[in-house]
Amino acid sequence: MIIKPIGERVLIKHMKKEEVTKGGIYIPESARKERKEGFVVAVGTFEDGKELPLKKGDHVLYGGYQSDEIEIDGEKHLFVDFKDILAVVEEE
């Protein structure tokens, strides 16, 4: 299935919460922080048809209070407005 966001929206595959620390300690669900980060799956366009400055596979941080959640192949995905994308994470 190919999903193409319409307008200034981005489809993001939500990054799962860590259940175990690097030291091997289990983190109970009640203590886990909801990290607002994920990977870009698909990108819409600006109103004038120009491409948004994101590409498939980008690791992003996002904010905002509104997003539409869908499940694709058993994994959580979100439609986020482009204005709610805070940063692209670049690996060193």
PDB file of N, CA and C in Angstrom:
ATOM      1  N   MET A   1       0.832  -1.166   0.000  1.00  0.00           N
ATOM      2  CA  MET A   1       0.000   0.000   0.000  1.00  0.00           C
ATOM      3  C   MET A   1       0.887   1.244   0.000  1.00  0.00           C
ATOM      4  N   ILE A   2       0.561   2.201  -0.855  1.00  0.00           N
ATOM      5  CA  ILE A   2       1.295   3.459  -0.926  1.00  0.00           C
ATOM      6  C   ILE A   2       0.379   4.560  -0.404  1.00  0.00           C
ATOM      7  N   ILE A   3       0.863   5.302   0.587  1.00  0.00           N
ATOM      8  CA  ILE A   3       0.092   6.397   1.164  1.00  0.00           C
ATOM      9  C   ILE A   3       0.830   7.685   0.879  1.00  0.00           C
ATOM     10  N   LYS A   4       0.138   8.660   0.281  1.00  0.00           N
ATOM     11  CA  LYS A   4       0.720   9.958  -0.043  1.00  0.00           C
ATOM     12  C   LYS A   4      -0.072  11.028   0.699  1.00  0.00           C
ATOM     13  N   PRO A   5       0.543  11.688   1.696  1.00  0.00           N
ATOM     14  CA  PRO A   5      -0.167  12.745   2.406  1.00  0.00           C
ATOM     15  C   PRO A   5      -0.576  13.882   1.473  1.00  0.00           C
ATOM     16  N   ILE A   6      -1.732  14.465   1.742  1.00  0.00           N
ATOM     17  CA  ILE A   6      -2.228  15.579   0.949  1.00  0.00           C
ATOM     18  C   ILE A   6      -1.969  16.867   1.716  1.00  0.00           C
ATOM     19  N   GLY A   7      -1.489  17.880   1.012  1.00  0.00           N
ATOM     20  CA  GLY A   7      -1.216  19.165   1.647  1.00  0.00           C
ATOM     21  C   GLY A   7       0.079  19.130   2.440  1.00  0.00           C
ATOM     22  N   GLU A   8       0.164  20.017   3.403  1.00  0.00           N
ATOM     23  CA  GLU A   8       1.382  20.164   4.189  1.00  0.00           C
ATOM     24  C   GLU A   8       1.380  19.199   5.378  1.00  0.00           C
ATOM     25  N   ARG A   9       1.317  17.911   5.065  1.00  0.00           N
ATOM     26  CA  ARG A   9       1.316  16.873   6.086  1.00  0.00           C
ATOM     27  C   ARG A   9       2.455  15.898   5.836  1.00  0.00           C
ATOM     28  N   VAL A  10       2.863  15.248   6.923  1.00  0.00           N
ATOM     29  CA  VAL A  10       3.943  14.278   6.857  1.00  0.00           C
ATOM     30  C   VAL A  10       3.471  13.010   7.552  1.00  0.00           C
ATOM     31  N   LEU A  11       3.697  11.853   6.927  1.00  0.00           N
ATOM     32  CA  LEU A  11       3.394  10.565   7.547  1.00  0.00           C
ATOM     33  C   LEU A  11       4.653  10.093   8.245  1.00  0.00           C
ATOM     34  N   ILE A  12       4.543   9.847   9.554  1.00  0.00           N
ATOM     35  CA  ILE A  12       5.688   9.473  10.374  1.00  0.00           C
ATOM     36  C   ILE A  12       5.452   8.120  11.011  1.00  0.00           C
ATOM     37  N   LYS A  13       6.477   7.269  10.976  1.00  0.00           N
ATOM     38  CA  LYS A  13       6.452   6.011  11.717  1.00  0.00           C
ATOM     39  C   LYS A  13       6.974   6.334  13.107  1.00  0.00           C
ATOM     40  N   HIS A  14       6.108   6.220  14.088  1.00  0.00           N
ATOM     41  CA  HIS A  14       6.439   6.590  15.460  1.00  0.00           C
ATOM     42  C   HIS A  14       7.532   5.686  16.001  1.00  0.00           C
ATOM     43  N   MET A  15       8.526   6.294  16.662  1.00  0.00           N
ATOM     44  CA  MET A  15       9.607   5.535  17.274  1.00  0.00           C
ATOM     45  C   MET A  15       9.099   4.938  18.580  1.00  0.00           C
ATOM     46  N   LYS A  16       9.293   3.649  18.747  1.00  0.00           N
ATOM     47  CA  LYS A  16       8.808   2.964  19.943  1.00  0.00           C
ATOM     48  C   LYS A  16       9.555   3.414  21.184  1.00  0.00           C
ATOM     49  N   LYS A  17       8.856   3.337  22.305  1.00  0.00           N
ATOM     50  CA  LYS A  17       9.457   3.660  23.598  1.00  0.00           C
ATOM     51  C   LYS A  17      10.438   2.562  23.975  1.00  0.00           C
ATOM     52  N   GLU A  18      11.489   2.966  24.672  1.00  0.00           N
ATOM     53  CA  GLU A  18      12.452   1.983  25.157  1.00  0.00           C
ATOM     54  C   GLU A  18      11.877   1.280  26.371  1.00  0.00           C
ATOM     55  N   GLU A  19      11.971  -0.042  26.398  1.00  0.00           N
ATOM     56  CA  GLU A  19      11.465  -0.806  27.520  1.00  0.00           C
ATOM     57  C   GLU A  19      12.565  -1.177  28.495  1.00  0.00           C
ATOM     58  N   VAL A  20      13.807  -1.160  28.019  1.00  0.00           N
ATOM     59  CA  VAL A  20      14.948  -1.526  28.854  1.00  0.00           C
ATOM     60  C   VAL A  20      16.049  -0.493  28.642  1.00  0.00           C
ATOM     61  N   THR A  21      16.689  -0.059  29.719  1.00  0.00           N
ATOM     62  CA  THR A  21      17.787   0.896  29.597  1.00  0.00           C
ATOM     63  C   THR A  21      19.015   0.201  29.014  1.00  0.00           C
ATOM     64  N   LYS A  22      20.016   0.970  28.650  1.00  0.00           N
ATOM     65  CA  LYS A  22      21.259   0.392  28.126  1.00  0.00           C
ATOM     66  C   LYS A  22      21.919  -0.517  29.146  1.00  0.00           C
ATOM     67  N   GLY A  23      21.684  -0.248  30.431  1.00  0.00           N
ATOM     68  CA  GLY A  23      22.251  -1.068  31.504  1.00  0.00           C
ATOM     69  C   GLY A  23      21.439  -2.316  31.795  1.00  0.00           C
ATOM     70  N   GLY A  24      20.301  -2.499  31.099  1.00  0.00           N
ATOM     71  CA  GLY A  24      19.499  -3.702  31.261  1.00  0.00           C
ATOM     72  C   GLY A  24      18.370  -3.586  32.267  1.00  0.00           C
ATOM     73  N   ILE A  25      18.092  -2.381  32.755  1.00  0.00           N
ATOM     74  CA  ILE A  25      17.017  -2.187  33.720  1.00  0.00           C
ATOM     75  C   ILE A  25      15.702  -2.002  32.980  1.00  0.00           C
ATOM     76  N   TYR A  26      14.670  -2.761  33.378  1.00  0.00           N
ATOM     77  CA  TYR A  26      13.343  -2.675  32.775  1.00  0.00           C
ATOM     78  C   TYR A  26      12.654  -1.394  33.225  1.00  0.00           C
ATOM     79  N   ILE A  27      12.049  -0.664  32.282  1.00  0.00           N
ATOM     80  CA  ILE A  27      11.327   0.561  32.590  1.00  0.00           C
ATOM     81  C   ILE A  27       9.831   0.247  32.514  1.00  0.00           C
ATOM     82  N   PRO A  28       9.095   0.374  33.638  1.00  0.00           N
ATOM     83  CA  PRO A  28       7.657   0.113  33.586  1.00  0.00           C
ATOM     84  C   PRO A  28       6.949   1.132  32.699  1.00  0.00           C
ATOM     85  N   GLU A  29       5.843   0.734  32.096  1.00  0.00           N
ATOM     86  CA  GLU A  29       5.127   1.590  31.149  1.00  0.00           C
ATOM     87  C   GLU A  29       4.718   2.923  31.774  1.00  0.00           C
ATOM     88  N   SER A  30       4.366   2.914  33.046  1.00  0.00           N
ATOM     89  CA  SER A  30       3.939   4.148  33.714  1.00  0.00           C
ATOM     90  C   SER A  30       5.076   5.158  33.846  1.00  0.00           C
ATOM     91  N   ALA A  31       6.321   4.714  33.789  1.00  0.00           N
ATOM     92  CA  ALA A  31       7.472   5.609  33.961  1.00  0.00           C
ATOM     93  C   ALA A  31       8.092   6.039  32.633  1.00  0.00           C
ATOM     94  N   ARG A  32       7.650   5.454  31.533  1.00  0.00           N
ATOM     95  CA  ARG A  32       8.238   5.804  30.236  1.00  0.00           C
ATOM     96  C   ARG A  32       7.720   7.140  29.752  1.00  0.00           C
ATOM     97  N   LYS A  33       8.613   7.929  29.174  1.00  0.00           N
ATOM     98  CA  LYS A  33       8.226   9.203  28.586  1.00  0.00           C
ATOM     99  C   LYS A  33       7.835   8.959  27.136  1.00  0.00           C
ATOM    100  N   GLU A  34       6.777   9.631  26.705  1.00  0.00           N
ATOM    101  CA  GLU A  34       6.348   9.551  25.313  1.00  0.00           C
ATOM    102  C   GLU A  34       7.268  10.441  24.489  1.00  0.00           C
ATOM    103  N   ARG A  35       8.168   9.822  23.755  1.00  0.00           N
ATOM    104  CA  ARG A  35       9.096  10.592  22.922  1.00  0.00           C
ATOM    105  C   ARG A  35       8.415  10.927  21.618  1.00  0.00           C
ATOM    106  N   LYS A  36       8.462  12.185  21.260  1.00  0.00           N
ATOM    107  CA  LYS A  36       7.835  12.618  20.018  1.00  0.00           C
ATOM    108  C   LYS A  36       8.898  12.653  18.936  1.00  0.00           C
ATOM    109  N   GLU A  37       9.248  11.473  18.483  1.00  0.00           N
ATOM    110  CA  GLU A  37      10.193  11.364  17.373  1.00  0.00           C
ATOM    111  C   GLU A  37       9.848  10.141  16.552  1.00  0.00           C
ATOM    112  N   GLY A  38      10.297  10.173  15.313  1.00  0.00           N
ATOM    113  CA  GLY A  38      10.007   9.065  14.426  1.00  0.00           C
ATOM    114  C   GLY A  38      10.735   9.239  13.106  1.00  0.00           C
ATOM    115  N   PHE A  39      10.328   8.418  12.147  1.00  0.00           N
ATOM    116  CA  PHE A  39      10.954   8.424  10.828  1.00  0.00           C
ATOM    117  C   PHE A  39       9.917   8.751   9.764  1.00  0.00           C
ATOM    118  N   VAL A  40      10.298   9.604   8.823  1.00  0.00           N
ATOM    119  CA  VAL A  40       9.402  10.031   7.747  1.00  0.00           C
ATOM    120  C   VAL A  40       9.150   8.853   6.806  1.00  0.00           C
ATOM    121  N   VAL A  41       7.882   8.595   6.541  1.00  0.00           N
ATOM    122  CA  VAL A  41       7.482   7.534   5.614  1.00  0.00           C
ATOM    123  C   VAL A  41       7.063   8.145   4.279  1.00  0.00           C
ATOM    124  N   ALA A  42       6.326   9.260   4.339  1.00  0.00           N
ATOM    125  CA  ALA A  42       5.859   9.936   3.123  1.00  0.00           C
ATOM    126  C   ALA A  42       5.651  11.413   3.431  1.00  0.00           C
ATOM    127  N   VAL A  43       5.761  12.240   2.380  1.00  0.00           N
ATOM    128  CA  VAL A  43       5.697  13.694   2.546  1.00  0.00           C
ATOM    129  C   VAL A  43       4.727  14.277   1.537  1.00  0.00           C
ATOM    130  N   GLY A  44       3.914  15.249   1.990  1.00  0.00           N
ATOM    131  CA  GLY A  44       3.020  15.971   1.093  1.00  0.00           C
ATOM    132  C   GLY A  44       3.752  17.119   0.423  1.00  0.00           C
ATOM    133  N   THR A  45       3.001  18.141  -0.007  1.00  0.00           N
ATOM    134  CA  THR A  45       3.588  19.293  -0.679  1.00  0.00           C
ATOM    135  C   THR A  45       3.007  20.591  -0.115  1.00  0.00           C
ATOM    136  N   PHE A  46       3.715  21.696  -0.361  1.00  0.00           N
ATOM    137  CA  PHE A  46       3.173  23.007  -0.030  1.00  0.00           C
ATOM    138  C   PHE A  46       1.969  23.269  -0.928  1.00  0.00           C
ATOM    139  N   GLU A  47       1.165  24.295  -0.594  1.00  0.00           N
ATOM    140  CA  GLU A  47      -0.024  24.622  -1.386  1.00  0.00           C
ATOM    141  C   GLU A  47       0.322  24.946  -2.833  1.00  0.00           C
ATOM    142  N   ASP A  48       1.517  25.509  -3.053  1.00  0.00           N
ATOM    143  CA  ASP A  48       1.908  25.884  -4.423  1.00  0.00           C
ATOM    144  C   ASP A  48       2.505  24.705  -5.202  1.00  0.00           C
ATOM    145  N   GLY A  49       2.529  23.515  -4.580  1.00  0.00           N
ATOM    146  CA  GLY A  49       3.028  22.322  -5.264  1.00  0.00           C
ATOM    147  C   GLY A  49       4.493  22.012  -5.015  1.00  0.00           C
ATOM    148  N   LYS A  50       5.217  22.915  -4.371  1.00  0.00           N
ATOM    149  CA  LYS A  50       6.628  22.669  -4.079  1.00  0.00           C
ATOM    150  C   LYS A  50       6.753  21.599  -3.002  1.00  0.00           C
ATOM    151  N   GLU A  51       7.851  20.850  -3.069  1.00  0.00           N
ATOM    152  CA  GLU A  51       8.072  19.776  -2.112  1.00  0.00           C
ATOM    153  C   GLU A  51       8.469  20.323  -0.748  1.00  0.00           C
ATOM    154  N   LEU A  52       8.032  19.638   0.302  1.00  0.00           N
ATOM    155  CA  LEU A  52       8.463  19.992   1.652  1.00  0.00           C
ATOM    156  C   LEU A  52       9.923  19.586   1.806  1.00  0.00           C
ATOM    157  N   PRO A  53      10.685  20.282   2.670  1.00  0.00           N
ATOM    158  CA  PRO A  53      12.115  19.993   2.804  1.00  0.00           C
ATOM    159  C   PRO A  53      12.407  18.769   3.671  1.00  0.00           C
ATOM    160  N   LEU A  54      11.683  17.704   3.449  1.00  0.00           N
ATOM    161  CA  LEU A  54      11.891  16.431   4.143  1.00  0.00           C
ATOM    162  C   LEU A  54      11.891  15.330   3.107  1.00  0.00           C
ATOM    163  N   LYS A  55      12.499  14.210   3.465  1.00  0.00           N
ATOM    164  CA  LYS A  55      12.473  13.070   2.546  1.00  0.00           C
ATOM    165  C   LYS A  55      12.232  11.794   3.339  1.00  0.00           C
ATOM    166  N   LYS A  56      11.828  10.781   2.641  1.00  0.00           N
ATOM    167  CA  LYS A  56      11.578   9.488   3.266  1.00  0.00           C
ATOM    168  C   LYS A  56      12.829   9.016   3.998  1.00  0.00           C
ATOM    169  N   GLY A  57      12.644   8.558   5.234  1.00  0.00           N
ATOM    170  CA  GLY A  57      13.757   8.060   6.017  1.00  0.00           C
ATOM    171  C   GLY A  57      14.355   9.063   6.987  1.00  0.00           C
ATOM    172  N   ASP A  58      14.002  10.360   6.856  1.00  0.00           N
ATOM    173  CA  ASP A  58      14.519  11.364   7.783  1.00  0.00           C
ATOM    174  C   ASP A  58      14.057  11.049   9.205  1.00  0.00           C
ATOM    175  N   HIS A  59      14.965  11.187  10.162  1.00  0.00           N
ATOM    176  CA  HIS A  59      14.662  11.020  11.586  1.00  0.00           C
ATOM    177  C   HIS A  59      14.260  12.404  12.079  1.00  0.00           C
ATOM    178  N   VAL A  60      13.030  12.556  12.584  1.00  0.00           N
ATOM    179  CA  VAL A  60      12.531  13.876  12.968  1.00  0.00           C
ATOM    180  C   VAL A  60      12.012  13.896  14.398  1.00  0.00           C
ATOM    181  N   LEU A  61      12.038  15.098  14.972  1.00  0.00           N
ATOM    182  CA  LEU A  61      11.386  15.390  16.243  1.00  0.00           C
ATOM    183  C   LEU A  61      10.167  16.226  15.892  1.00  0.00           C
ATOM    184  N   TYR A  62       9.043  15.947  16.538  1.00  0.00           N
ATOM    185  CA  TYR A  62       7.833  16.702  16.234  1.00  0.00           C
ATOM    186  C   TYR A  62       7.142  17.112  17.523  1.00  0.00           C
ATOM    187  N   GLY A  63       6.323  18.128  17.423  1.00  0.00           N
ATOM    188  CA  GLY A  63       5.571  18.636  18.561  1.00  0.00           C
ATOM    189  C   GLY A  63       4.106  18.674  18.204  1.00  0.00           C
ATOM    190  N   GLY A  64       3.404  19.601  18.813  1.00  0.00           N
ATOM    191  CA  GLY A  64       1.988  19.761  18.523  1.00  0.00           C
ATOM    192  C   GLY A  64       1.134  18.820  19.350  1.00  0.00           C
ATOM    193  N   TYR A  65      -0.133  19.137  19.368  1.00  0.00           N
ATOM    194  CA  TYR A  65      -1.081  18.357  20.151  1.00  0.00           C
ATOM    195  C   TYR A  65      -2.010  17.534  19.284  1.00  0.00           C
ATOM    196  N   GLN A  66      -2.018  17.819  18.001  1.00  0.00           N
ATOM    197  CA  GLN A  66      -2.958  17.140  17.130  1.00  0.00           C
ATOM    198  C   GLN A  66      -2.224  16.326  16.076  1.00  0.00           C
ATOM    199  N   SER A  67      -2.573  15.073  15.995  1.00  0.00           N
ATOM    200  CA  SER A  67      -2.074  14.210  14.929  1.00  0.00           C
ATOM    201  C   SER A  67      -3.093  13.103  14.753  1.00  0.00           C
ATOM    202  N   ASP A  68      -3.160  12.575  13.559  1.00  0.00           N
ATOM    203  CA  ASP A  68      -4.080  11.482  13.279  1.00  0.00           C
ATOM    204  C   ASP A  68      -3.285  10.197  13.242  1.00  0.00           C
ATOM    205  N   GLU A  69      -3.674   9.255  14.069  1.00  0.00           N
ATOM    206  CA  GLU A  69      -2.949   7.999  14.210  1.00  0.00           C
ATOM    207  C   GLU A  69      -3.597   6.915  13.355  1.00  0.00           C
ATOM    208  N   ILE A  70      -2.760   6.160  12.650  1.00  0.00           N
ATOM    209  CA  ILE A  70      -3.234   5.000  11.909  1.00  0.00           C
ATOM    210  C   ILE A  70      -2.267   3.855  12.174  1.00  0.00           C
ATOM    211  N   GLU A  71      -2.726   2.659  11.898  1.00  0.00           N
ATOM    212  CA  GLU A  71      -1.873   1.492  12.061  1.00  0.00           C
ATOM    213  C   GLU A  71      -1.633   0.876  10.687  1.00  0.00           C
ATOM    214  N   ILE A  72      -0.363   0.698  10.354  1.00  0.00           N
ATOM    215  CA  ILE A  72       0.024   0.097   9.078  1.00  0.00           C
ATOM    216  C   ILE A  72       0.913  -1.092   9.395  1.00  0.00           C
ATOM    217  N   ASP A  73       0.538  -2.263   8.938  1.00  0.00           N
ATOM    218  CA  ASP A  73       1.294  -3.490   9.190  1.00  0.00           C
ATOM    219  C   ASP A  73       1.592  -3.680  10.681  1.00  0.00           C
ATOM    220  N   GLY A  74       0.624  -3.341  11.526  1.00  0.00           N
ATOM    221  CA  GLY A  74       0.760  -3.548  12.962  1.00  0.00           C
ATOM    222  C   GLY A  74       1.630  -2.533  13.682  1.00  0.00           C
ATOM    223  N   GLU A  75       2.039  -1.444  12.997  1.00  0.00           N
ATOM    224  CA  GLU A  75       2.889  -0.432  13.620  1.00  0.00           C
ATOM    225  C   GLU A  75       2.200   0.924  13.597  1.00  0.00           C
ATOM    226  N   LYS A  76       2.428   1.704  14.658  1.00  0.00           N
ATOM    227  CA  LYS A  76       1.816   3.014  14.818  1.00  0.00           C
ATOM    228  C   LYS A  76       2.448   4.027  13.862  1.00  0.00           C
ATOM    229  N   HIS A  77       1.600   4.717  13.103  1.00  0.00           N
ATOM    230  CA  HIS A  77       2.024   5.796  12.205  1.00  0.00           C
ATOM    231  C   HIS A  77       1.163   7.015  12.507  1.00  0.00           C
ATOM    232  N   LEU A  78       1.713   8.194  12.252  1.00  0.00           N
ATOM    233  CA  LEU A  78       1.005   9.439  12.520  1.00  0.00           C
ATOM    234  C   LEU A  78       1.051  10.361  11.316  1.00  0.00           C
ATOM    235  N   PHE A  79      -0.070  11.049  11.071  1.00  0.00           N
ATOM    236  CA  PHE A  79      -0.070  12.154  10.126  1.00  0.00           C
ATOM    237  C   PHE A  79       0.137  13.411  10.953  1.00  0.00           C
ATOM    238  N   VAL A  80       1.221  14.148  10.697  1.00  0.00           N
ATOM    239  CA  VAL A  80       1.574  15.349  11.450  1.00  0.00           C
ATOM    240  C   VAL A  80       1.633  16.513  10.472  1.00  0.00           C
ATOM    241  N   ASP A  81       1.127  17.676  10.891  1.00  0.00           N
ATOM    242  CA  ASP A  81       1.252  18.869  10.060  1.00  0.00           C
ATOM    243  C   ASP A  81       2.723  19.262   9.969  1.00  0.00           C
ATOM    244  N   PHE A  82       3.139  19.720   8.799  1.00  0.00           N
ATOM    245  CA  PHE A  82       4.533  20.099   8.594  1.00  0.00           C
ATOM    246  C   PHE A  82       4.981  21.155   9.600  1.00  0.00           C
ATOM    247  N   LYS A  83       4.098  22.070   9.965  1.00  0.00           N
ATOM    248  CA  LYS A  83       4.455  23.137  10.913  1.00  0.00           C
ATOM    249  C   LYS A  83       4.809  22.580  12.289  1.00  0.00           C
ATOM    250  N   ASP A  84       4.408  21.331  12.587  1.00  0.00           N
ATOM    251  CA  ASP A  84       4.700  20.707  13.872  1.00  0.00           C
ATOM    252  C   ASP A  84       6.014  19.924  13.878  1.00  0.00           C
ATOM    253  N   ILE A  85       6.693  19.847  12.729  1.00  0.00           N
ATOM    254  CA  ILE A  85       8.008  19.205  12.685  1.00  0.00           C
ATOM    255  C   ILE A  85       9.014  20.191  13.260  1.00  0.00           C
ATOM    256  N   LEU A  86       9.683  19.795  14.342  1.00  0.00           N
ATOM    257  CA  LEU A  86      10.589  20.698  15.031  1.00  0.00           C
ATOM    258  C   LEU A  86      12.023  20.636  14.497  1.00  0.00           C
ATOM    259  N   ALA A  87      12.488  19.425  14.151  1.00  0.00           N
ATOM    260  CA  ALA A  87      13.886  19.290  13.733  1.00  0.00           C
ATOM    261  C   ALA A  87      14.100  17.974  13.008  1.00  0.00           C
ATOM    262  N   VAL A  88      15.155  17.940  12.208  1.00  0.00           N
ATOM    263  CA  VAL A  88      15.635  16.714  11.603  1.00  0.00           C
ATOM    264  C   VAL A  88      16.867  16.310  12.398  1.00  0.00           C
ATOM    265  N   VAL A  89      16.902  15.055  12.854  1.00  0.00           N
ATOM    266  CA  VAL A  89      18.025  14.563  13.635  1.00  0.00           C
ATOM    267  C   VAL A  89      19.074  14.021  12.668  1.00  0.00           C
ATOM    268  N   GLU A  90      20.281  14.558  12.758  1.00  0.00           N
ATOM    269  CA  GLU A  90      21.363  14.099  11.890  1.00  0.00           C
ATOM    270  C   GLU A  90      22.372  13.349  12.735  1.00  0.00           C
ATOM    271  N   GLU A  91      22.777  12.196  12.271  1.00  0.00           N
ATOM    272  CA  GLU A  91      23.753  11.369  12.977  1.00  0.00           C
ATOM    273  C   GLU A  91      25.147  11.917  12.695  1.00  0.00           C
ATOM    274  N   GLU A  92      26.013  11.876  13.698  1.00  0.00           N
ATOM    275  CA  GLU A  92      27.384  12.365  13.534  1.00  0.00           C
ATOM    276  C   GLU A  92      28.272  11.318  12.948  1.00  0.00           C
TER     277      GLU A  92
END
